[in-house]
Amino acid sequence: MKAGHKVTISAVMGIAALAGAAAQADDTRPKNRFAAELLDAHNAARSDFDAARLEWDDGLAQQARKWAEVLAREGQMRHATQSDRIGMGENLWMGSAGVYSASDMVGSFVDERRDFRAGTFPKVSRTGNWRDVGHFTQVVWHETSHVGCAVARNARDDFLVCRYWPAGNTYGVEIAPQRSLASR
């Protein structure tokens, strides 16, 4: 009887620990469904690349929101200066207002994978220009652990800004999936 009792208590404690871990994981998910879709699209690409999952960061999302609003007001794309980003990485996207899903937006970053080749940054593109894969490499950068994104809209376009911590695309750092790309 006592042995069975220990198993039951052990099982209950295990279930409680799993529930606690799930609650903690939910704390890092954005409450907004669109933002959650942005995070999920990033993490799907990272999973395919054998990179750890990103956590949503509301502070990064607030920074992204401020910059997205500037871009929407100006009606053009440009990266924030390095001093404005203070160590944050940044991906930008622009498209017709209300047409694209969060997955479509992040998907445009991930589509750059077609030109990616494993190597030491910046020599990571089949085209010879790292900018052809720079959005993708930031999404899957192994050392990056947090992301926050925001969309702002003007009369014509949506502007997505994603901020990453720590920034990726660091010169001299190797970037490659743990598994061979050839096995896919």
N, C-alpha and C. Protein backbone atom coordinates (compact mmCIF):
# COMPACT_ATOMS: atom_id res chain seq x y z
N MET A 1 0.82 -1.19 0.00
CA MET A 1 0.00 0.00 0.00
C MET A 1 0.87 1.25 0.00
N LYS A 2 1.87 1.29 0.86
CA LYS A 2 2.70 2.47 0.95
C LYS A 2 3.48 2.71 -0.34
N ALA A 3 3.94 1.64 -0.99
CA ALA A 3 4.69 1.80 -2.24
C ALA A 3 3.80 2.43 -3.30
N GLY A 4 2.57 1.97 -3.41
CA GLY A 4 1.63 2.56 -4.36
C GLY A 4 1.35 4.01 -4.04
N HIS A 5 1.29 4.30 -2.76
CA HIS A 5 1.05 5.66 -2.32
C HIS A 5 2.18 6.58 -2.76
N LYS A 6 3.42 6.11 -2.67
CA LYS A 6 4.58 6.89 -3.10
C LYS A 6 4.51 7.18 -4.59
N VAL A 7 4.11 6.18 -5.37
CA VAL A 7 3.99 6.37 -6.82
C VAL A 7 2.94 7.44 -7.11
N THR A 8 1.82 7.37 -6.42
CA THR A 8 0.75 8.34 -6.63
C THR A 8 1.22 9.74 -6.28
N ILE A 9 1.87 9.90 -5.15
CA ILE A 9 2.38 11.21 -4.77
C ILE A 9 3.42 11.68 -5.77
N SER A 10 4.30 10.76 -6.18
CA SER A 10 5.31 11.10 -7.16
C SER A 10 4.67 11.54 -8.47
N ALA A 11 3.64 10.82 -8.92
CA ALA A 11 2.96 11.17 -10.15
C ALA A 11 2.27 12.53 -10.03
N VAL A 12 1.64 12.78 -8.91
CA VAL A 12 0.98 14.07 -8.69
C VAL A 12 2.01 15.19 -8.70
N MET A 13 3.15 14.96 -8.04
CA MET A 13 4.20 15.98 -8.01
C MET A 13 4.73 16.23 -9.43
N GLY A 14 4.87 15.16 -10.23
CA GLY A 14 5.32 15.30 -11.61
C GLY A 14 4.34 16.10 -12.45
N ILE A 15 3.06 15.81 -12.28
CA ILE A 15 2.01 16.55 -13.00
C ILE A 15 2.02 18.01 -12.57
N ALA A 16 2.18 18.27 -11.30
CA ALA A 16 2.24 19.65 -10.80
C ALA A 16 3.44 20.39 -11.38
N ALA A 17 4.57 19.70 -11.47
CA ALA A 17 5.76 20.33 -12.04
C ALA A 17 5.54 20.66 -13.51
N LEU A 18 4.91 19.73 -14.26
CA LEU A 18 4.61 19.99 -15.66
C LEU A 18 3.63 21.15 -15.81
N ALA A 19 2.64 21.20 -14.96
CA ALA A 19 1.68 22.30 -15.01
C ALA A 19 2.37 23.62 -14.72
N GLY A 20 3.28 23.63 -13.76
CA GLY A 20 4.04 24.85 -13.45
C GLY A 20 4.89 25.28 -14.63
N ALA A 21 5.53 24.32 -15.31
CA ALA A 21 6.35 24.63 -16.48
C ALA A 21 5.48 25.17 -17.61
N ALA A 22 4.29 24.59 -17.79
CA ALA A 22 3.38 25.07 -18.84
C ALA A 22 2.91 26.49 -18.52
N ALA A 23 2.63 26.76 -17.26
CA ALA A 23 2.21 28.11 -16.88
C ALA A 23 3.34 29.10 -17.13
N GLN A 24 4.58 28.69 -16.82
CA GLN A 24 5.71 29.56 -17.08
C GLN A 24 5.86 29.81 -18.57
N ALA A 25 5.72 28.77 -19.39
CA ALA A 25 5.83 28.92 -20.84
C ALA A 25 4.76 29.87 -21.35
N ASP A 26 3.53 29.79 -20.80
CA ASP A 26 2.45 30.68 -21.22
C ASP A 26 2.76 32.13 -20.86
N ASP A 27 3.53 32.37 -19.80
CA ASP A 27 3.88 33.72 -19.41
C ASP A 27 4.76 34.40 -20.45
N THR A 28 5.50 33.63 -21.25
CA THR A 28 6.37 34.21 -22.26
C THR A 28 5.66 34.37 -23.60
N ARG A 29 4.44 33.88 -23.73
CA ARG A 29 3.69 34.04 -24.97
C ARG A 29 2.94 35.36 -24.95
N PRO A 30 2.91 36.02 -26.10
CA PRO A 30 2.15 37.27 -26.15
C PRO A 30 0.65 36.98 -26.02
N LYS A 31 -0.06 37.92 -25.44
CA LYS A 31 -1.51 37.77 -25.26
C LYS A 31 -2.25 38.00 -26.57
N ASN A 32 -1.70 38.85 -27.42
CA ASN A 32 -2.29 39.19 -28.70
C ASN A 32 -2.11 38.03 -29.69
N ARG A 33 -3.17 37.63 -30.36
CA ARG A 33 -3.12 36.48 -31.26
C ARG A 33 -2.19 36.71 -32.46
N PHE A 34 -2.18 37.92 -33.01
CA PHE A 34 -1.30 38.24 -34.13
C PHE A 34 0.16 38.13 -33.70
N ALA A 35 0.47 38.66 -32.53
CA ALA A 35 1.84 38.58 -32.00
C ALA A 35 2.23 37.12 -31.74
N ALA A 36 1.29 36.33 -31.23
CA ALA A 36 1.57 34.91 -30.99
C ALA A 36 1.86 34.20 -32.30
N GLU A 37 1.16 34.58 -33.37
CA GLU A 37 1.42 33.99 -34.69
C GLU A 37 2.82 34.40 -35.19
N LEU A 38 3.22 35.64 -34.93
CA LEU A 38 4.58 36.08 -35.30
C LEU A 38 5.62 35.22 -34.58
N LEU A 39 5.42 35.03 -33.27
CA LEU A 39 6.35 34.21 -32.48
C LEU A 39 6.37 32.77 -32.99
N ASP A 40 5.21 32.21 -33.25
CA ASP A 40 5.14 30.83 -33.72
C ASP A 40 5.85 30.66 -35.07
N ALA A 41 5.71 31.64 -35.96
CA ALA A 41 6.38 31.56 -37.27
C ALA A 41 7.90 31.61 -37.09
N HIS A 42 8.37 32.46 -36.19
CA HIS A 42 9.81 32.50 -35.90
C HIS A 42 10.28 31.14 -35.36
N ASN A 43 9.53 30.61 -34.41
CA ASN A 43 9.95 29.37 -33.75
C ASN A 43 9.86 28.16 -34.68
N ALA A 44 8.94 28.18 -35.62
CA ALA A 44 8.89 27.09 -36.61
C ALA A 44 10.16 27.09 -37.46
N ALA A 45 10.58 28.27 -37.89
CA ALA A 45 11.81 28.37 -38.69
C ALA A 45 13.02 27.96 -37.86
N ARG A 46 13.04 28.37 -36.60
CA ARG A 46 14.16 28.02 -35.73
C ARG A 46 14.20 26.52 -35.47
N SER A 47 13.04 25.90 -35.32
CA SER A 47 12.99 24.46 -35.12
C SER A 47 13.57 23.73 -36.33
N ASP A 48 13.20 24.18 -37.52
CA ASP A 48 13.73 23.58 -38.75
C ASP A 48 15.25 23.75 -38.84
N PHE A 49 15.78 24.76 -38.18
CA PHE A 49 17.22 25.07 -38.22
C PHE A 49 17.95 24.55 -36.99
N ASP A 50 17.23 23.89 -36.11
CA ASP A 50 17.79 23.35 -34.87
C ASP A 50 18.28 24.45 -33.93
N ALA A 51 17.58 25.55 -33.91
CA ALA A 51 17.89 26.63 -32.98
C ALA A 51 16.84 26.62 -31.87
N ALA A 52 17.23 27.02 -30.68
CA ALA A 52 16.31 27.06 -29.54
C ALA A 52 15.17 28.03 -29.80
N ARG A 53 14.04 27.75 -29.18
CA ARG A 53 12.86 28.61 -29.32
C ARG A 53 13.13 30.00 -28.77
N LEU A 54 12.54 30.99 -29.41
CA LEU A 54 12.61 32.37 -28.91
C LEU A 54 11.50 32.58 -27.89
N GLU A 55 11.75 33.48 -26.96
CA GLU A 55 10.73 33.94 -26.03
C GLU A 55 10.27 35.32 -26.48
N TRP A 56 8.99 35.59 -26.29
CA TRP A 56 8.43 36.91 -26.61
C TRP A 56 8.87 37.88 -25.52
N ASP A 57 9.25 39.09 -25.93
CA ASP A 57 9.69 40.11 -25.01
C ASP A 57 8.89 41.38 -25.26
N ASP A 58 8.06 41.76 -24.28
CA ASP A 58 7.21 42.94 -24.44
C ASP A 58 8.02 44.23 -24.59
N GLY A 59 9.18 44.31 -23.95
CA GLY A 59 10.04 45.49 -24.09
C GLY A 59 10.55 45.64 -25.52
N LEU A 60 10.96 44.53 -26.12
CA LEU A 60 11.38 44.57 -27.53
C LEU A 60 10.20 44.93 -28.42
N ALA A 61 9.03 44.40 -28.11
CA ALA A 61 7.83 44.71 -28.90
C ALA A 61 7.49 46.20 -28.80
N GLN A 62 7.66 46.80 -27.62
CA GLN A 62 7.41 48.24 -27.47
C GLN A 62 8.40 49.06 -28.31
N GLN A 63 9.68 48.63 -28.29
CA GLN A 63 10.67 49.31 -29.12
C GLN A 63 10.33 49.16 -30.60
N ALA A 64 9.91 47.97 -30.99
CA ALA A 64 9.52 47.71 -32.37
C ALA A 64 8.32 48.57 -32.76
N ARG A 65 7.35 48.70 -31.86
CA ARG A 65 6.15 49.51 -32.12
C ARG A 65 6.53 50.97 -32.40
N LYS A 66 7.41 51.52 -31.59
CA LYS A 66 7.83 52.92 -31.79
C LYS A 66 8.44 53.11 -33.18
N TRP A 67 9.31 52.17 -33.58
CA TRP A 67 9.97 52.31 -34.87
C TRP A 67 8.99 52.05 -36.02
N ALA A 68 8.08 51.09 -35.86
CA ALA A 68 7.08 50.81 -36.90
C ALA A 68 6.20 52.04 -37.13
N GLU A 69 5.87 52.74 -36.08
CA GLU A 69 5.06 53.95 -36.21
C GLU A 69 5.80 55.05 -36.97
N VAL A 70 7.10 55.18 -36.74
CA VAL A 70 7.92 56.14 -37.50
C VAL A 70 7.89 55.78 -38.99
N LEU A 71 8.10 54.49 -39.29
CA LEU A 71 8.12 54.06 -40.69
C LEU A 71 6.77 54.29 -41.36
N ALA A 72 5.69 53.99 -40.66
CA ALA A 72 4.35 54.20 -41.22
C ALA A 72 4.09 55.68 -41.48
N ARG A 73 4.53 56.53 -40.56
CA ARG A 73 4.38 57.99 -40.77
C ARG A 73 5.16 58.45 -42.00
N GLU A 74 6.40 57.97 -42.12
CA GLU A 74 7.27 58.36 -43.23
C GLU A 74 6.89 57.66 -44.54
N GLY A 75 6.25 56.51 -44.44
CA GLY A 75 5.85 55.76 -45.62
C GLY A 75 7.00 55.13 -46.37
N GLN A 76 8.08 54.86 -45.66
CA GLN A 76 9.23 54.21 -46.31
C GLN A 76 10.00 53.36 -45.30
N MET A 77 10.77 52.42 -45.85
CA MET A 77 11.54 51.50 -45.02
C MET A 77 12.95 52.03 -44.81
N ARG A 78 13.41 51.91 -43.58
CA ARG A 78 14.81 52.15 -43.25
C ARG A 78 15.06 51.60 -41.86
N HIS A 79 16.26 51.06 -41.67
CA HIS A 79 16.61 50.51 -40.37
C HIS A 79 16.89 51.64 -39.39
N ALA A 80 16.56 51.40 -38.14
CA ALA A 80 16.95 52.31 -37.07
C ALA A 80 18.48 52.28 -36.98
N THR A 81 19.06 53.34 -36.49
CA THR A 81 20.52 53.38 -36.35
C THR A 81 20.96 52.39 -35.27
N GLN A 82 22.21 51.98 -35.34
CA GLN A 82 22.77 51.08 -34.33
C GLN A 82 22.63 51.68 -32.93
N SER A 83 22.85 52.99 -32.81
CA SER A 83 22.75 53.62 -31.49
C SER A 83 21.31 53.64 -30.98
N ASP A 84 20.34 53.70 -31.89
CA ASP A 84 18.93 53.65 -31.47
C ASP A 84 18.52 52.24 -31.06
N ARG A 85 19.19 51.23 -31.61
CA ARG A 85 18.84 49.84 -31.32
C ARG A 85 19.58 49.29 -30.11
N ILE A 86 20.67 49.87 -29.72
CA ILE A 86 21.43 49.47 -28.54
C ILE A 86 21.56 47.94 -28.40
N GLY A 87 22.19 47.31 -29.39
CA GLY A 87 22.45 45.88 -29.31
C GLY A 87 21.32 44.98 -29.77
N MET A 88 20.20 45.55 -30.17
CA MET A 88 19.09 44.75 -30.66
C MET A 88 19.25 44.51 -32.16
N GLY A 89 18.91 43.31 -32.61
CA GLY A 89 18.82 43.05 -34.04
C GLY A 89 17.48 43.55 -34.55
N GLU A 90 17.35 43.68 -35.86
CA GLU A 90 16.12 44.23 -36.42
C GLU A 90 15.84 43.65 -37.79
N ASN A 91 14.63 43.20 -38.00
CA ASN A 91 14.12 42.82 -39.32
C ASN A 91 12.93 43.71 -39.64
N LEU A 92 12.85 44.13 -40.89
CA LEU A 92 11.76 45.00 -41.35
C LEU A 92 11.03 44.34 -42.51
N TRP A 93 9.74 44.63 -42.61
CA TRP A 93 8.92 44.14 -43.71
C TRP A 93 7.86 45.19 -43.99
N MET A 94 7.46 45.32 -45.27
CA MET A 94 6.40 46.24 -45.66
C MET A 94 5.56 45.58 -46.73
N GLY A 95 4.24 45.74 -46.65
CA GLY A 95 3.34 45.20 -47.66
C GLY A 95 2.00 45.91 -47.60
N SER A 96 1.18 45.66 -48.57
CA SER A 96 -0.14 46.30 -48.65
C SER A 96 -0.93 46.09 -47.37
N ALA A 97 -1.56 47.16 -46.90
CA ALA A 97 -2.28 47.14 -45.63
C ALA A 97 -3.39 46.11 -45.61
N GLY A 98 -3.38 45.29 -44.56
CA GLY A 98 -4.46 44.35 -44.31
C GLY A 98 -4.47 43.10 -45.18
N VAL A 99 -3.47 42.91 -46.02
CA VAL A 99 -3.46 41.78 -46.95
C VAL A 99 -2.73 40.56 -46.40
N TYR A 100 -1.67 40.77 -45.63
CA TYR A 100 -0.77 39.69 -45.23
C TYR A 100 -0.97 39.26 -43.78
N SER A 101 -0.84 37.95 -43.57
CA SER A 101 -0.90 37.42 -42.21
C SER A 101 0.48 37.56 -41.55
N ALA A 102 0.51 37.34 -40.26
CA ALA A 102 1.78 37.36 -39.54
C ALA A 102 2.72 36.29 -40.10
N SER A 103 2.19 35.12 -40.40
CA SER A 103 3.00 34.05 -40.97
C SER A 103 3.56 34.43 -42.34
N ASP A 104 2.77 35.13 -43.15
CA ASP A 104 3.27 35.60 -44.45
C ASP A 104 4.44 36.56 -44.25
N MET A 105 4.28 37.47 -43.30
CA MET A 105 5.33 38.47 -43.06
C MET A 105 6.64 37.81 -42.65
N VAL A 106 6.59 36.97 -41.64
CA VAL A 106 7.80 36.28 -41.17
C VAL A 106 8.27 35.31 -42.25
N GLY A 107 7.33 34.74 -42.99
CA GLY A 107 7.67 33.84 -44.08
C GLY A 107 8.57 34.49 -45.12
N SER A 108 8.40 35.79 -45.34
CA SER A 108 9.28 36.48 -46.30
C SER A 108 10.72 36.50 -45.80
N PHE A 109 10.91 36.58 -44.48
CA PHE A 109 12.27 36.50 -43.92
C PHE A 109 12.82 35.09 -44.13
N VAL A 110 11.99 34.11 -43.83
CA VAL A 110 12.41 32.70 -43.86
C VAL A 110 12.66 32.23 -45.30
N ASP A 111 11.95 32.80 -46.26
CA ASP A 111 12.14 32.42 -47.67
C ASP A 111 13.57 32.66 -48.15
N GLU A 112 14.29 33.53 -47.48
CA GLU A 112 15.68 33.79 -47.86
C GLU A 112 16.57 32.56 -47.66
N ARG A 113 16.06 31.57 -46.97
CA ARG A 113 16.83 30.35 -46.73
C ARG A 113 17.32 29.73 -48.04
N ARG A 114 16.57 29.94 -49.12
CA ARG A 114 16.95 29.35 -50.41
C ARG A 114 18.34 29.78 -50.85
N ASP A 115 18.80 30.96 -50.43
CA ASP A 115 20.14 31.45 -50.80
C ASP A 115 21.16 31.27 -49.68
N PHE A 116 20.75 30.70 -48.55
CA PHE A 116 21.65 30.53 -47.41
C PHE A 116 22.60 29.35 -47.64
N ARG A 117 23.82 29.54 -47.18
CA ARG A 117 24.76 28.42 -47.07
C ARG A 117 25.47 28.56 -45.74
N ALA A 118 25.61 27.45 -45.06
CA ALA A 118 26.27 27.46 -43.76
C ALA A 118 27.68 28.00 -43.91
N GLY A 119 28.12 28.75 -42.92
CA GLY A 119 29.46 29.31 -42.97
C GLY A 119 29.68 30.30 -41.86
N THR A 120 30.74 31.06 -42.00
CA THR A 120 31.08 32.10 -41.05
C THR A 120 30.56 33.42 -41.58
N PHE A 121 29.76 34.09 -40.78
CA PHE A 121 29.15 35.35 -41.20
C PHE A 121 30.25 36.37 -41.48
N PRO A 122 30.20 37.07 -42.61
CA PRO A 122 29.11 37.27 -43.57
C PRO A 122 29.13 36.34 -44.78
N LYS A 123 29.99 35.36 -44.82
CA LYS A 123 30.07 34.48 -45.99
C LYS A 123 29.06 33.34 -45.86
N VAL A 124 27.78 33.71 -45.93
CA VAL A 124 26.70 32.75 -45.69
C VAL A 124 25.64 32.74 -46.79
N SER A 125 25.97 33.34 -47.93
CA SER A 125 24.99 33.42 -49.01
C SER A 125 25.54 32.81 -50.29
N ARG A 126 24.69 32.05 -50.96
CA ARG A 126 25.06 31.49 -52.27
C ARG A 126 25.29 32.59 -53.30
N THR A 127 24.68 33.75 -53.08
CA THR A 127 24.81 34.86 -54.03
C THR A 127 26.08 35.67 -53.81
N GLY A 128 26.73 35.47 -52.66
CA GLY A 128 27.91 36.26 -52.33
C GLY A 128 27.59 37.52 -51.55
N ASN A 129 26.30 37.83 -51.37
CA ASN A 129 25.88 39.03 -50.64
C ASN A 129 25.06 38.60 -49.42
N TRP A 130 25.59 38.80 -48.22
CA TRP A 130 24.90 38.35 -47.00
C TRP A 130 23.55 39.02 -46.84
N ARG A 131 23.36 40.19 -47.43
CA ARG A 131 22.07 40.88 -47.30
C ARG A 131 20.92 40.09 -47.94
N ASP A 132 21.28 39.17 -48.84
CA ASP A 132 20.25 38.32 -49.46
C ASP A 132 19.70 37.28 -48.50
N VAL A 133 20.37 37.06 -47.38
CA VAL A 133 19.93 36.08 -46.38
C VAL A 133 19.88 36.67 -44.97
N GLY A 134 20.14 37.95 -44.83
CA GLY A 134 20.27 38.58 -43.51
C GLY A 134 19.03 38.53 -42.64
N HIS A 135 17.84 38.58 -43.25
CA HIS A 135 16.61 38.46 -42.45
C HIS A 135 16.51 37.03 -41.90
N PHE A 136 16.76 36.07 -42.79
CA PHE A 136 16.70 34.66 -42.37
C PHE A 136 17.71 34.36 -41.27
N THR A 137 18.96 34.80 -41.47
CA THR A 137 19.98 34.47 -40.47
C THR A 137 19.65 35.11 -39.12
N GLN A 138 19.05 36.31 -39.12
CA GLN A 138 18.65 36.90 -37.84
C GLN A 138 17.57 36.06 -37.19
N VAL A 139 16.61 35.58 -37.95
CA VAL A 139 15.53 34.75 -37.39
C VAL A 139 16.09 33.51 -36.71
N VAL A 140 17.09 32.86 -37.32
CA VAL A 140 17.59 31.58 -36.82
C VAL A 140 18.90 31.67 -36.05
N TRP A 141 19.38 32.88 -35.81
CA TRP A 141 20.67 33.06 -35.13
C TRP A 141 20.66 32.35 -33.79
N HIS A 142 21.59 31.42 -33.58
CA HIS A 142 21.57 30.56 -32.40
C HIS A 142 21.63 31.32 -31.08
N GLU A 143 22.39 32.39 -31.02
CA GLU A 143 22.54 33.11 -29.74
C GLU A 143 21.34 34.00 -29.41
N THR A 144 20.51 34.31 -30.39
CA THR A 144 19.33 35.14 -30.13
C THR A 144 18.34 34.33 -29.31
N SER A 145 17.79 34.96 -28.27
CA SER A 145 16.88 34.25 -27.37
C SER A 145 15.51 34.91 -27.21
N HIS A 146 15.39 36.18 -27.60
CA HIS A 146 14.14 36.91 -27.39
C HIS A 146 13.78 37.70 -28.65
N VAL A 147 12.48 37.86 -28.87
CA VAL A 147 11.98 38.63 -29.99
C VAL A 147 10.76 39.42 -29.53
N GLY A 148 10.56 40.56 -30.14
CA GLY A 148 9.35 41.35 -29.97
C GLY A 148 9.09 42.06 -31.28
N CYS A 149 7.86 42.02 -31.76
CA CYS A 149 7.53 42.61 -33.06
C CYS A 149 6.29 43.48 -32.92
N ALA A 150 6.13 44.36 -33.89
CA ALA A 150 4.92 45.19 -33.94
C ALA A 150 4.67 45.61 -35.38
N VAL A 151 3.40 45.86 -35.68
CA VAL A 151 2.99 46.33 -37.00
C VAL A 151 2.31 47.68 -36.83
N ALA A 152 2.67 48.61 -37.71
CA ALA A 152 1.96 49.89 -37.78
C ALA A 152 1.48 50.05 -39.22
N ARG A 153 0.37 50.74 -39.39
CA ARG A 153 -0.27 50.86 -40.70
C ARG A 153 -0.46 52.32 -41.05
N ASN A 154 -0.22 52.64 -42.31
CA ASN A 154 -0.64 53.94 -42.83
C ASN A 154 -1.78 53.68 -43.81
N ALA A 155 -2.16 54.66 -44.60
CA ALA A 155 -3.31 54.50 -45.50
C ALA A 155 -3.09 53.41 -46.55
N ARG A 156 -1.83 53.09 -46.83
CA ARG A 156 -1.53 52.16 -47.91
C ARG A 156 -0.85 50.86 -47.48
N ASP A 157 0.03 50.93 -46.49
CA ASP A 157 0.90 49.79 -46.18
C ASP A 157 0.93 49.45 -44.70
N ASP A 158 1.28 48.17 -44.44
CA ASP A 158 1.63 47.70 -43.10
C ASP A 158 3.15 47.67 -43.02
N PHE A 159 3.67 48.04 -41.85
CA PHE A 159 5.11 48.02 -41.58
C PHE A 159 5.35 47.14 -40.36
N LEU A 160 6.05 46.03 -40.59
CA LEU A 160 6.41 45.13 -39.50
C LEU A 160 7.85 45.43 -39.09
N VAL A 161 8.05 45.56 -37.79
CA VAL A 161 9.40 45.66 -37.22
C VAL A 161 9.52 44.56 -36.18
N CYS A 162 10.57 43.76 -36.31
CA CYS A 162 10.89 42.75 -35.30
C CYS A 162 12.23 43.11 -34.70
N ARG A 163 12.30 43.08 -33.38
CA ARG A 163 13.54 43.34 -32.67
C ARG A 163 13.96 42.06 -31.96
N TYR A 164 15.28 41.81 -31.96
CA TYR A 164 15.85 40.56 -31.46
C TYR A 164 16.92 40.86 -30.42
N TRP A 165 16.97 39.98 -29.39
CA TRP A 165 18.01 40.11 -28.37
C TRP A 165 18.62 38.75 -28.08
N PRO A 166 19.91 38.66 -28.03
CA PRO A 166 20.85 39.64 -28.58
C PRO A 166 20.82 39.59 -30.11
N ALA A 167 21.35 40.64 -30.71
CA ALA A 167 21.36 40.74 -32.17
C ALA A 167 22.16 39.60 -32.78
N GLY A 168 21.76 39.21 -33.96
CA GLY A 168 22.50 38.22 -34.74
C GLY A 168 23.34 38.90 -35.80
N ASN A 169 23.68 38.12 -36.82
CA ASN A 169 24.46 38.62 -37.96
C ASN A 169 25.75 39.28 -37.50
N THR A 170 26.45 38.57 -36.64
CA THR A 170 27.71 39.05 -36.08
C THR A 170 28.88 38.53 -36.92
N TYR A 171 29.69 39.45 -37.40
CA TYR A 171 30.84 39.08 -38.22
C TYR A 171 31.75 38.12 -37.48
N GLY A 172 32.22 37.10 -38.22
CA GLY A 172 33.16 36.13 -37.68
C GLY A 172 32.55 34.99 -36.91
N VAL A 173 31.21 34.95 -36.81
CA VAL A 173 30.53 33.88 -36.07
C VAL A 173 29.96 32.88 -37.07
N GLU A 174 30.17 31.60 -36.80
CA GLU A 174 29.66 30.55 -37.67
C GLU A 174 28.16 30.38 -37.46
N ILE A 175 27.46 30.18 -38.56
CA ILE A 175 26.03 29.90 -38.48
C ILE A 175 25.71 28.70 -39.37
N ALA A 176 25.17 27.69 -38.74
CA ALA A 176 24.80 26.46 -39.43
C ALA A 176 23.81 25.71 -38.55
N PRO A 177 22.89 24.99 -39.18
CA PRO A 177 22.01 24.13 -38.37
C PRO A 177 22.82 22.99 -37.79
N GLN A 178 22.32 22.40 -36.71
CA GLN A 178 23.00 21.28 -36.10
C GLN A 178 22.96 20.07 -37.02
N ARG A 179 21.84 19.90 -37.72
CA ARG A 179 21.72 18.80 -38.69
C ARG A 179 22.06 19.35 -40.07
N SER A 180 22.42 18.49 -40.97
CA SER A 180 22.78 18.89 -42.32
C SER A 180 21.55 19.40 -43.08
N LEU A 181 21.70 20.48 -43.81
CA LEU A 181 20.63 20.98 -44.66
C LEU A 181 20.32 19.97 -45.77
N ALA A 182 21.29 19.17 -46.13
CA ALA A 182 21.10 18.19 -47.20
C ALA A 182 20.08 17.12 -46.81
N SER A 183 19.87 16.91 -45.51
CA SER A 183 18.94 15.87 -45.07
C SER A 183 17.49 16.33 -45.13
N ARG A 184 17.24 17.51 -45.60
CA ARG A 184 15.87 18.02 -45.65
C ARG A 184 15.26 17.91 -47.03
